[in-house]
Amino acid sequence: MKTPPNTLADRASSTAPQTIRITLRINGTPHALEVEPRVSLLDALRERLSLTGTKKGCDQGACGACTVLVNGERILSCLALAVQYEETEIVTIEGLTVDGVQHPLQAAFIANDGFQCGYCTPGQICSAIGMIQELRNGLPSAVTRDIRAEVVGLSEEELKERMSGNLCRCGAYVGICAAIREVFPGEVMR
């Protein structure tokens, strides 16, 4: 029969979580990491890779501050395990600026006062880019009147519903919607 560990150090080492080696492709660059299986994608980005543009708001998937793009789709990185995203293309707010040139939506947020404190802004921008792709792919929202229609425009109602998972404590929604409309003025769902 095996004897139980005697000291606190023995017990700690015997119950220490195991780590897994993974490679995450973030903003076009592969990053080799060794993480515990339970590490969220958000924590891997912020704490292991110092990509702090992605924000930790509620840490329970309710605010959208941690939104990133994975293979072009928006996800809440606080609810995602880092180990799930090997062999995917992850884009954070930092990856939207290419060769010093901002993504048009980043510039539109500035021009339209789409932020005040700025905490939610990275998640808002990533979410808007993902939302437009969902619209282009023909995915309906909860307010899409006719899901069989050939063309559905990005009405005010559609825009608000599709962005409703991203909260702004400052209430900069007017500027956020204006920025999205400026960059994606005639978006329709096909």
C-alpha atoms as a PDB file:
ATOM      1  CA  MET A   1       0.000   0.000   0.000  1.00  0.00           C
ATOM      2  CA  LYS A   2       1.222   3.466  -0.924  1.00  0.00           C
ATOM      3  CA  THR A   3       1.679   5.921   1.952  1.00  0.00           C
ATOM      4  CA  PRO A   4       0.100   9.357   1.662  1.00  0.00           C
ATOM      5  CA  PRO A   5       2.354  12.406   1.250  1.00  0.00           C
ATOM      6  CA  ASN A   6       3.660  13.660   4.597  1.00  0.00           C
ATOM      7  CA  THR A   7       4.382  17.314   4.030  1.00  0.00           C
ATOM      8  CA  LEU A   8       2.453  20.157   2.477  1.00  0.00           C
ATOM      9  CA  ALA A   9       5.109  20.351  -0.259  1.00  0.00           C
ATOM     10  CA  ASP A  10       4.674  16.633  -0.989  1.00  0.00           C
ATOM     11  CA  ARG A  11       0.905  17.025  -1.221  1.00  0.00           C
ATOM     12  CA  ALA A  12       1.202  20.096  -3.450  1.00  0.00           C
ATOM     13  CA  SER A  13       3.533  18.370  -5.880  1.00  0.00           C
ATOM     14  CA  SER A  14       1.348  15.275  -6.008  1.00  0.00           C
ATOM     15  CA  THR A  15      -1.757  17.319  -6.845  1.00  0.00           C
ATOM     16  CA  ALA A  16      -0.118  19.901  -9.109  1.00  0.00           C
ATOM     17  CA  PRO A  17      -2.062  20.282 -12.343  1.00  0.00           C
ATOM     18  CA  GLN A  18      -0.438  18.911 -15.439  1.00  0.00           C
ATOM     19  CA  THR A  19       0.374  21.171 -18.332  1.00  0.00           C
ATOM     20  CA  ILE A  20      -0.077  20.709 -22.048  1.00  0.00           C
ATOM     21  CA  ARG A  21       2.086  22.108 -24.806  1.00  0.00           C
ATOM     22  CA  ILE A  22       0.063  23.925 -27.423  1.00  0.00           C
ATOM     23  CA  THR A  23       0.715  26.312 -30.277  1.00  0.00           C
ATOM     24  CA  LEU A  24      -1.760  29.106 -30.828  1.00  0.00           C
ATOM     25  CA  ARG A  25      -1.712  31.103 -34.057  1.00  0.00           C
ATOM     26  CA  ILE A  26      -2.542  34.638 -32.985  1.00  0.00           C
ATOM     27  CA  ASN A  27      -2.571  37.605 -35.335  1.00  0.00           C
ATOM     28  CA  GLY A  28      -0.679  35.557 -37.897  1.00  0.00           C
ATOM     29  CA  THR A  29       2.108  34.461 -35.546  1.00  0.00           C
ATOM     30  CA  PRO A  30       2.446  31.036 -33.907  1.00  0.00           C
ATOM     31  CA  HIS A  31       2.995  31.076 -30.144  1.00  0.00           C
ATOM     32  CA  ALA A  32       4.171  27.936 -28.319  1.00  0.00           C
ATOM     33  CA  LEU A  33       2.772  27.741 -24.801  1.00  0.00           C
ATOM     34  CA  GLU A  34       2.661  25.322 -21.939  1.00  0.00           C
ATOM     35  CA  VAL A  35      -0.683  25.687 -20.160  1.00  0.00           C
ATOM     36  CA  GLU A  36      -2.919  23.855 -17.772  1.00  0.00           C
ATOM     37  CA  PRO A  37      -5.900  22.391 -19.634  1.00  0.00           C
ATOM     38  CA  ARG A  38      -8.260  24.688 -17.732  1.00  0.00           C
ATOM     39  CA  VAL A  39      -6.602  27.983 -18.794  1.00  0.00           C
ATOM     40  CA  SER A  40      -9.028  30.179 -20.703  1.00  0.00           C
ATOM     41  CA  LEU A  41      -8.081  31.647 -24.043  1.00  0.00           C
ATOM     42  CA  LEU A  42      -8.498  35.080 -22.437  1.00  0.00           C
ATOM     43  CA  ASP A  43      -5.961  34.307 -19.712  1.00  0.00           C
ATOM     44  CA  ALA A  44      -3.537  32.792 -22.225  1.00  0.00           C
ATOM     45  CA  LEU A  45      -3.730  35.951 -24.329  1.00  0.00           C
ATOM     46  CA  ARG A  46      -3.413  38.415 -21.466  1.00  0.00           C
ATOM     47  CA  GLU A  47      -1.216  36.644 -18.916  1.00  0.00           C
ATOM     48  CA  ARG A  48       0.984  34.416 -21.050  1.00  0.00           C
ATOM     49  CA  LEU A  49       1.345  36.484 -24.245  1.00  0.00           C
ATOM     50  CA  SER A  50       0.857  40.044 -22.930  1.00  0.00           C
ATOM     51  CA  LEU A  51      -1.867  40.742 -25.500  1.00  0.00           C
ATOM     52  CA  THR A  52      -3.797  42.939 -23.110  1.00  0.00           C
ATOM     53  CA  GLY A  53      -6.076  44.585 -25.667  1.00  0.00           C
ATOM     54  CA  THR A  54      -8.586  41.818 -25.045  1.00  0.00           C
ATOM     55  CA  LYS A  55     -10.239  42.783 -21.772  1.00  0.00           C
ATOM     56  CA  LYS A  56     -11.459  40.742 -18.825  1.00  0.00           C
ATOM     57  CA  GLY A  57     -14.768  42.289 -17.871  1.00  0.00           C
ATOM     58  CA  CYS A  58     -17.177  39.908 -16.190  1.00  0.00           C
ATOM     59  CA  ASP A  59     -15.239  36.648 -16.792  1.00  0.00           C
ATOM     60  CA  GLN A  60     -18.582  34.865 -17.275  1.00  0.00           C
ATOM     61  CA  GLY A  61     -19.551  35.618 -20.877  1.00  0.00           C
ATOM     62  CA  ALA A  62     -22.026  38.377 -20.097  1.00  0.00           C
ATOM     63  CA  CYS A  63     -20.289  41.599 -21.197  1.00  0.00           C
ATOM     64  CA  GLY A  64     -18.414  40.868 -24.450  1.00  0.00           C
ATOM     65  CA  ALA A  65     -15.241  42.757 -23.472  1.00  0.00           C
ATOM     66  CA  CYS A  66     -13.187  39.631 -24.216  1.00  0.00           C
ATOM     67  CA  THR A  67     -14.499  39.083 -27.757  1.00  0.00           C
ATOM     68  CA  VAL A  68     -11.904  37.891 -30.267  1.00  0.00           C
ATOM     69  CA  LEU A  69     -12.179  36.383 -33.737  1.00  0.00           C
ATOM     70  CA  VAL A  70     -11.438  32.701 -34.338  1.00  0.00           C
ATOM     71  CA  ASN A  71     -11.396  31.717 -37.995  1.00  0.00           C
ATOM     72  CA  GLY A  72     -13.389  34.887 -38.621  1.00  0.00           C
ATOM     73  CA  GLU A  73     -16.091  34.120 -36.063  1.00  0.00           C
ATOM     74  CA  ARG A  74     -16.523  36.053 -32.846  1.00  0.00           C
ATOM     75  CA  ILE A  75     -16.169  34.187 -29.579  1.00  0.00           C
ATOM     76  CA  LEU A  76     -16.044  35.100 -25.916  1.00  0.00           C
ATOM     77  CA  SER A  77     -12.488  34.216 -24.953  1.00  0.00           C
ATOM     78  CA  CYS A  78     -13.291  34.067 -21.232  1.00  0.00           C
ATOM     79  CA  LEU A  79     -15.521  31.041 -21.893  1.00  0.00           C
ATOM     80  CA  ALA A  80     -13.085  29.282 -24.230  1.00  0.00           C
ATOM     81  CA  LEU A  81     -10.265  26.986 -23.192  1.00  0.00           C
ATOM     82  CA  ALA A  82      -6.946  27.828 -24.854  1.00  0.00           C
ATOM     83  CA  VAL A  83      -6.307  24.145 -25.667  1.00  0.00           C
ATOM     84  CA  GLN A  84      -9.398  24.112 -27.908  1.00  0.00           C
ATOM     85  CA  TYR A  85      -7.937  26.616 -30.351  1.00  0.00           C
ATOM     86  CA  GLU A  86      -4.831  24.946 -31.692  1.00  0.00           C
ATOM     87  CA  GLU A  87      -4.810  24.975 -35.491  1.00  0.00           C
ATOM     88  CA  THR A  88      -7.154  27.961 -35.672  1.00  0.00           C
ATOM     89  CA  GLU A  89      -6.519  31.560 -36.642  1.00  0.00           C
ATOM     90  CA  ILE A  90      -7.106  33.846 -33.664  1.00  0.00           C
ATOM     91  CA  VAL A  91      -7.314  37.587 -34.226  1.00  0.00           C
ATOM     92  CA  THR A  92      -7.281  40.029 -31.330  1.00  0.00           C
ATOM     93  CA  ILE A  93      -7.673  43.801 -31.440  1.00  0.00           C
ATOM     94  CA  GLU A  94      -3.892  44.067 -31.817  1.00  0.00           C
ATOM     95  CA  GLY A  95      -4.064  42.026 -35.025  1.00  0.00           C
ATOM     96  CA  LEU A  96      -6.506  44.388 -36.717  1.00  0.00           C
ATOM     97  CA  THR A  97      -3.818  47.032 -37.195  1.00  0.00           C
ATOM     98  CA  VAL A  98      -1.582  45.893 -40.047  1.00  0.00           C
ATOM     99  CA  ASP A  99       1.751  47.585 -40.794  1.00  0.00           C
ATOM    100  CA  GLY A 100       0.727  50.551 -38.666  1.00  0.00           C
ATOM    101  CA  VAL A 101      -2.567  51.023 -40.526  1.00  0.00           C
ATOM    102  CA  GLN A 102      -5.704  50.746 -38.427  1.00  0.00           C
ATOM    103  CA  HIS A 103      -8.648  48.651 -39.504  1.00  0.00           C
ATOM    104  CA  PRO A 104     -11.307  51.016 -40.897  1.00  0.00           C
ATOM    105  CA  LEU A 105     -13.567  50.179 -37.956  1.00  0.00           C
ATOM    106  CA  GLN A 106     -10.904  51.257 -35.455  1.00  0.00           C
ATOM    107  CA  ALA A 107     -10.618  54.612 -37.233  1.00  0.00           C
ATOM    108  CA  ALA A 108     -14.419  54.931 -37.390  1.00  0.00           C
ATOM    109  CA  PHE A 109     -14.705  54.351 -33.632  1.00  0.00           C
ATOM    110  CA  ILE A 110     -12.352  57.279 -33.101  1.00  0.00           C
ATOM    111  CA  ALA A 111     -14.102  59.519 -35.650  1.00  0.00           C
ATOM    112  CA  ASN A 112     -17.581  58.748 -34.280  1.00  0.00           C
ATOM    113  CA  ASP A 113     -16.770  58.854 -30.549  1.00  0.00           C
ATOM    114  CA  GLY A 114     -17.583  55.163 -30.308  1.00  0.00           C
ATOM    115  CA  PHE A 115     -15.958  54.953 -26.901  1.00  0.00           C
ATOM    116  CA  GLN A 116     -15.509  56.867 -23.696  1.00  0.00           C
ATOM    117  CA  CYS A 117     -13.403  54.923 -21.208  1.00  0.00           C
ATOM    118  CA  GLY A 118     -12.422  52.492 -23.985  1.00  0.00           C
ATOM    119  CA  TYR A 119     -12.563  49.344 -21.879  1.00  0.00           C
ATOM    120  CA  CYS A 120     -15.212  47.626 -24.009  1.00  0.00           C
ATOM    121  CA  THR A 121     -13.910  49.001 -27.322  1.00  0.00           C
ATOM    122  CA  PRO A 122     -11.667  46.061 -28.360  1.00  0.00           C
ATOM    123  CA  GLY A 123     -14.512  43.612 -27.797  1.00  0.00           C
ATOM    124  CA  GLN A 124     -16.995  45.911 -29.537  1.00  0.00           C
ATOM    125  CA  ILE A 125     -14.774  46.210 -32.613  1.00  0.00           C
ATOM    126  CA  CYS A 126     -14.016  42.478 -32.851  1.00  0.00           C
ATOM    127  CA  SER A 127     -17.680  41.697 -32.297  1.00  0.00           C
ATOM    128  CA  ALA A 128     -18.780  44.107 -35.034  1.00  0.00           C
ATOM    129  CA  ILE A 129     -16.377  42.526 -37.531  1.00  0.00           C
ATOM    130  CA  GLY A 130     -17.668  39.063 -36.615  1.00  0.00           C
ATOM    131  CA  MET A 131     -21.274  40.282 -36.722  1.00  0.00           C
ATOM    132  CA  ILE A 132     -20.876  41.585 -40.268  1.00  0.00           C
ATOM    133  CA  GLN A 133     -19.440  38.237 -41.343  1.00  0.00           C
ATOM    134  CA  GLU A 134     -22.415  36.445 -39.764  1.00  0.00           C
ATOM    135  CA  LEU A 135     -24.736  38.754 -41.683  1.00  0.00           C
ATOM    136  CA  ARG A 136     -22.862  38.102 -44.933  1.00  0.00           C
ATOM    137  CA  ASN A 137     -23.084  34.353 -44.264  1.00  0.00           C
ATOM    138  CA  GLY A 138     -26.861  34.605 -43.991  1.00  0.00           C
ATOM    139  CA  LEU A 139     -27.176  33.881 -40.274  1.00  0.00           C
ATOM    140  CA  PRO A 140     -30.410  35.340 -38.898  1.00  0.00           C
ATOM    141  CA  SER A 141     -30.725  37.099 -35.567  1.00  0.00           C
ATOM    142  CA  ALA A 142     -33.551  36.946 -33.042  1.00  0.00           C
ATOM    143  CA  VAL A 143     -35.199  39.928 -34.753  1.00  0.00           C
ATOM    144  CA  THR A 144     -34.816  38.873 -38.401  1.00  0.00           C
ATOM    145  CA  ARG A 145     -38.385  39.167 -39.666  1.00  0.00           C
ATOM    146  CA  ASP A 146     -38.189  36.631 -42.491  1.00  0.00           C
ATOM    147  CA  ILE A 147     -35.327  34.141 -42.227  1.00  0.00           C
ATOM    148  CA  ARG A 148     -36.147  32.896 -45.741  1.00  0.00           C
ATOM    149  CA  ALA A 149     -35.781  36.317 -47.342  1.00  0.00           C
ATOM    150  CA  GLU A 150     -33.137  36.672 -50.051  1.00  0.00           C
ATOM    151  CA  VAL A 151     -31.902  39.977 -48.661  1.00  0.00           C
ATOM    152  CA  VAL A 152     -32.049  41.349 -45.127  1.00  0.00           C
ATOM    153  CA  GLY A 153     -30.601  44.781 -44.470  1.00  0.00           C
ATOM    154  CA  LEU A 154     -28.758  45.820 -41.350  1.00  0.00           C
ATOM    155  CA  SER A 155     -31.615  47.782 -39.849  1.00  0.00           C
ATOM    156  CA  GLU A 156     -31.247  49.632 -36.563  1.00  0.00           C
ATOM    157  CA  GLU A 157     -33.135  46.792 -34.890  1.00  0.00           C
ATOM    158  CA  GLU A 158     -30.848  44.153 -36.449  1.00  0.00           C
ATOM    159  CA  LEU A 159     -27.711  46.091 -35.525  1.00  0.00           C
ATOM    160  CA  LYS A 160     -28.743  46.521 -31.903  1.00  0.00           C
ATOM    161  CA  GLU A 161     -29.766  42.871 -31.556  1.00  0.00           C
ATOM    162  CA  ARG A 162     -26.619  41.528 -33.181  1.00  0.00           C
ATOM    163  CA  MET A 163     -24.394  43.701 -30.959  1.00  0.00           C
ATOM    164  CA  SER A 164     -26.444  43.162 -27.778  1.00  0.00           C
ATOM    165  CA  GLY A 165     -23.864  40.789 -26.289  1.00  0.00           C
ATOM    166  CA  ASN A 166     -21.386  43.645 -25.961  1.00  0.00           C
ATOM    167  CA  LEU A 167     -22.056  46.027 -23.103  1.00  0.00           C
ATOM    168  CA  CYS A 168     -20.725  49.568 -22.740  1.00  0.00           C
ATOM    169  CA  ARG A 169     -20.901  50.906 -19.203  1.00  0.00           C
ATOM    170  CA  CYS A 170     -20.343  54.445 -20.488  1.00  0.00           C
ATOM    171  CA  GLY A 171     -23.291  54.265 -22.867  1.00  0.00           C
ATOM    172  CA  ALA A 172     -21.415  55.074 -26.086  1.00  0.00           C
ATOM    173  CA  TYR A 173     -23.899  53.063 -28.158  1.00  0.00           C
ATOM    174  CA  VAL A 174     -24.791  55.941 -30.504  1.00  0.00           C
ATOM    175  CA  GLY A 175     -21.140  56.336 -31.525  1.00  0.00           C
ATOM    176  CA  ILE A 176     -20.635  52.569 -31.731  1.00  0.00           C
ATOM    177  CA  CYS A 177     -23.586  52.153 -34.106  1.00  0.00           C
ATOM    178  CA  ALA A 178     -22.491  55.177 -36.147  1.00  0.00           C
ATOM    179  CA  ALA A 179     -18.979  53.726 -36.520  1.00  0.00           C
ATOM    180  CA  ILE A 180     -20.325  50.357 -37.667  1.00  0.00           C
ATOM    181  CA  ARG A 181     -22.681  52.042 -40.142  1.00  0.00           C
ATOM    182  CA  GLU A 182     -19.865  54.203 -41.504  1.00  0.00           C
ATOM    183  CA  VAL A 183     -17.682  51.203 -42.308  1.00  0.00           C
ATOM    184  CA  PHE A 184     -20.455  48.804 -43.326  1.00  0.00           C
ATOM    185  CA  PRO A 185     -23.139  51.149 -44.721  1.00  0.00           C
ATOM    186  CA  GLY A 186     -24.981  48.837 -47.088  1.00  0.00           C
ATOM    187  CA  GLU A 187     -24.562  45.457 -45.471  1.00  0.00           C
ATOM    188  CA  VAL A 188     -27.237  42.949 -46.300  1.00  0.00           C
ATOM    189  CA  MET A 189     -27.781  39.317 -45.509  1.00  0.00           C
ATOM    190  CA  ARG A 190     -28.014  37.001 -48.520  1.00  0.00           C
END
